[in-house]
Amino acid sequence: MNMEPWGQNAASTQAFTSLNRLKPEDNNAVLFELFQLLEDYAPAWYTEEHHNRAAAALEELLSQSLIC
């Protein structure tokens, strides 16, 4: 199976382009959703360091009232 890396096919390029059109608050909601997915599924590569960095970044957004 020959899989193209993320960003190398039309579907991923289209998805990325549509993400660029989101308002900042939508982007923050997407980041929060991705964080929740990582926390819920905890893939093998998702280390405590990744968790701490992501949690700190989200905490910063929350303190600035950029996400609810």
C-alpha atoms as a PDB file:
ATOM      1  CA  MET A   1       0.000   0.000   0.000  1.00  0.00           C
ATOM      2  CA  ASN A   2       1.462   3.328  -1.055  1.00  0.00           C
ATOM      3  CA  MET A   3       0.175   6.009   1.283  1.00  0.00           C
ATOM      4  CA  GLU A   4       1.008   9.641   0.745  1.00  0.00           C
ATOM      5  CA  PRO A   5       2.151  11.650   3.768  1.00  0.00           C
ATOM      6  CA  TRP A   6      -0.288  14.170   5.272  1.00  0.00           C
ATOM      7  CA  GLY A   7      -0.416  17.267   3.131  1.00  0.00           C
ATOM      8  CA  GLN A   8       0.608  15.444  -0.020  1.00  0.00           C
ATOM      9  CA  ASN A   9      -2.825  14.536  -1.353  1.00  0.00           C
ATOM     10  CA  ALA A  10      -5.793  16.558  -2.557  1.00  0.00           C
ATOM     11  CA  ALA A  11      -8.084  15.681   0.374  1.00  0.00           C
ATOM     12  CA  SER A  12      -5.637  16.777   3.049  1.00  0.00           C
ATOM     13  CA  THR A  13      -4.754  19.936   1.127  1.00  0.00           C
ATOM     14  CA  GLN A  14      -8.442  20.799   0.828  1.00  0.00           C
ATOM     15  CA  ALA A  15      -8.983  20.165   4.557  1.00  0.00           C
ATOM     16  CA  PHE A  16      -6.013  22.368   5.435  1.00  0.00           C
ATOM     17  CA  THR A  17      -7.272  25.141   3.171  1.00  0.00           C
ATOM     18  CA  SER A  18     -10.699  25.070   4.803  1.00  0.00           C
ATOM     19  CA  LEU A  19      -9.052  25.203   8.266  1.00  0.00           C
ATOM     20  CA  ASN A  20      -7.287  28.397   7.219  1.00  0.00           C
ATOM     21  CA  ARG A  21     -10.683  30.019   6.674  1.00  0.00           C
ATOM     22  CA  LEU A  22     -11.849  29.385  10.243  1.00  0.00           C
ATOM     23  CA  LYS A  23     -12.163  32.265  12.670  1.00  0.00           C
ATOM     24  CA  PRO A  24      -9.645  32.289  15.554  1.00  0.00           C
ATOM     25  CA  GLU A  25     -12.242  31.044  18.039  1.00  0.00           C
ATOM     26  CA  ASP A  26     -13.032  28.140  15.689  1.00  0.00           C
ATOM     27  CA  ASN A  27      -9.333  27.298  15.524  1.00  0.00           C
ATOM     28  CA  ASN A  28      -9.178  27.249  19.301  1.00  0.00           C
ATOM     29  CA  ALA A  29     -12.193  24.936  19.457  1.00  0.00           C
ATOM     30  CA  VAL A  30     -10.454  22.597  17.005  1.00  0.00           C
ATOM     31  CA  LEU A  31      -7.318  22.587  19.148  1.00  0.00           C
ATOM     32  CA  PHE A  32      -9.378  21.777  22.231  1.00  0.00           C
ATOM     33  CA  GLU A  33     -11.151  18.954  20.381  1.00  0.00           C
ATOM     34  CA  LEU A  34      -7.824  17.496  19.262  1.00  0.00           C
ATOM     35  CA  PHE A  35      -6.523  17.693  22.821  1.00  0.00           C
ATOM     36  CA  GLN A  36      -9.608  15.836  24.051  1.00  0.00           C
ATOM     37  CA  LEU A  37      -9.106  13.136  21.411  1.00  0.00           C
ATOM     38  CA  LEU A  38      -5.478  12.687  22.416  1.00  0.00           C
ATOM     39  CA  GLU A  39      -6.457  12.454  26.063  1.00  0.00           C
ATOM     40  CA  ASP A  40      -9.280   9.982  25.365  1.00  0.00           C
ATOM     41  CA  TYR A  41      -7.366   7.670  23.024  1.00  0.00           C
ATOM     42  CA  ALA A  42      -3.840   8.180  24.398  1.00  0.00           C
ATOM     43  CA  PRO A  43      -1.852   6.797  21.453  1.00  0.00           C
ATOM     44  CA  ALA A  44       1.424   5.074  22.326  1.00  0.00           C
ATOM     45  CA  TRP A  45       3.492   8.001  21.072  1.00  0.00           C
ATOM     46  CA  TYR A  46       1.548  10.553  23.182  1.00  0.00           C
ATOM     47  CA  THR A  47       3.925  11.043  26.082  1.00  0.00           C
ATOM     48  CA  GLU A  48       3.482  12.868  29.365  1.00  0.00           C
ATOM     49  CA  GLU A  49       5.649  15.635  27.901  1.00  0.00           C
ATOM     50  CA  HIS A  50       3.208  16.018  24.985  1.00  0.00           C
ATOM     51  CA  HIS A  51       0.310  16.116  27.443  1.00  0.00           C
ATOM     52  CA  ASN A  52       2.008  18.747  29.623  1.00  0.00           C
ATOM     53  CA  ARG A  53       2.866  20.982  26.666  1.00  0.00           C
ATOM     54  CA  ALA A  54      -0.634  20.751  25.194  1.00  0.00           C
ATOM     55  CA  ALA A  55      -2.281  21.329  28.568  1.00  0.00           C
ATOM     56  CA  ALA A  56      -0.090  24.389  29.204  1.00  0.00           C
ATOM     57  CA  ALA A  57      -0.936  25.826  25.781  1.00  0.00           C
ATOM     58  CA  LEU A  58      -4.654  25.312  26.353  1.00  0.00           C
ATOM     59  CA  GLU A  59      -4.370  26.814  29.838  1.00  0.00           C
ATOM     60  CA  GLU A  60      -2.808  29.912  28.276  1.00  0.00           C
ATOM     61  CA  LEU A  61      -5.686  30.199  25.792  1.00  0.00           C
ATOM     62  CA  LEU A  62      -8.187  29.764  28.622  1.00  0.00           C
ATOM     63  CA  SER A  63      -6.486  32.453  30.729  1.00  0.00           C
ATOM     64  CA  GLN A  64      -6.785  34.831  27.775  1.00  0.00           C
ATOM     65  CA  SER A  65     -10.457  33.832  27.417  1.00  0.00           C
ATOM     66  CA  LEU A  66      -9.774  32.723  23.863  1.00  0.00           C
ATOM     67  CA  ILE A  67     -11.562  29.417  24.392  1.00  0.00           C
ATOM     68  CA  CYS A  68     -14.415  28.415  26.657  1.00  0.00           C
END
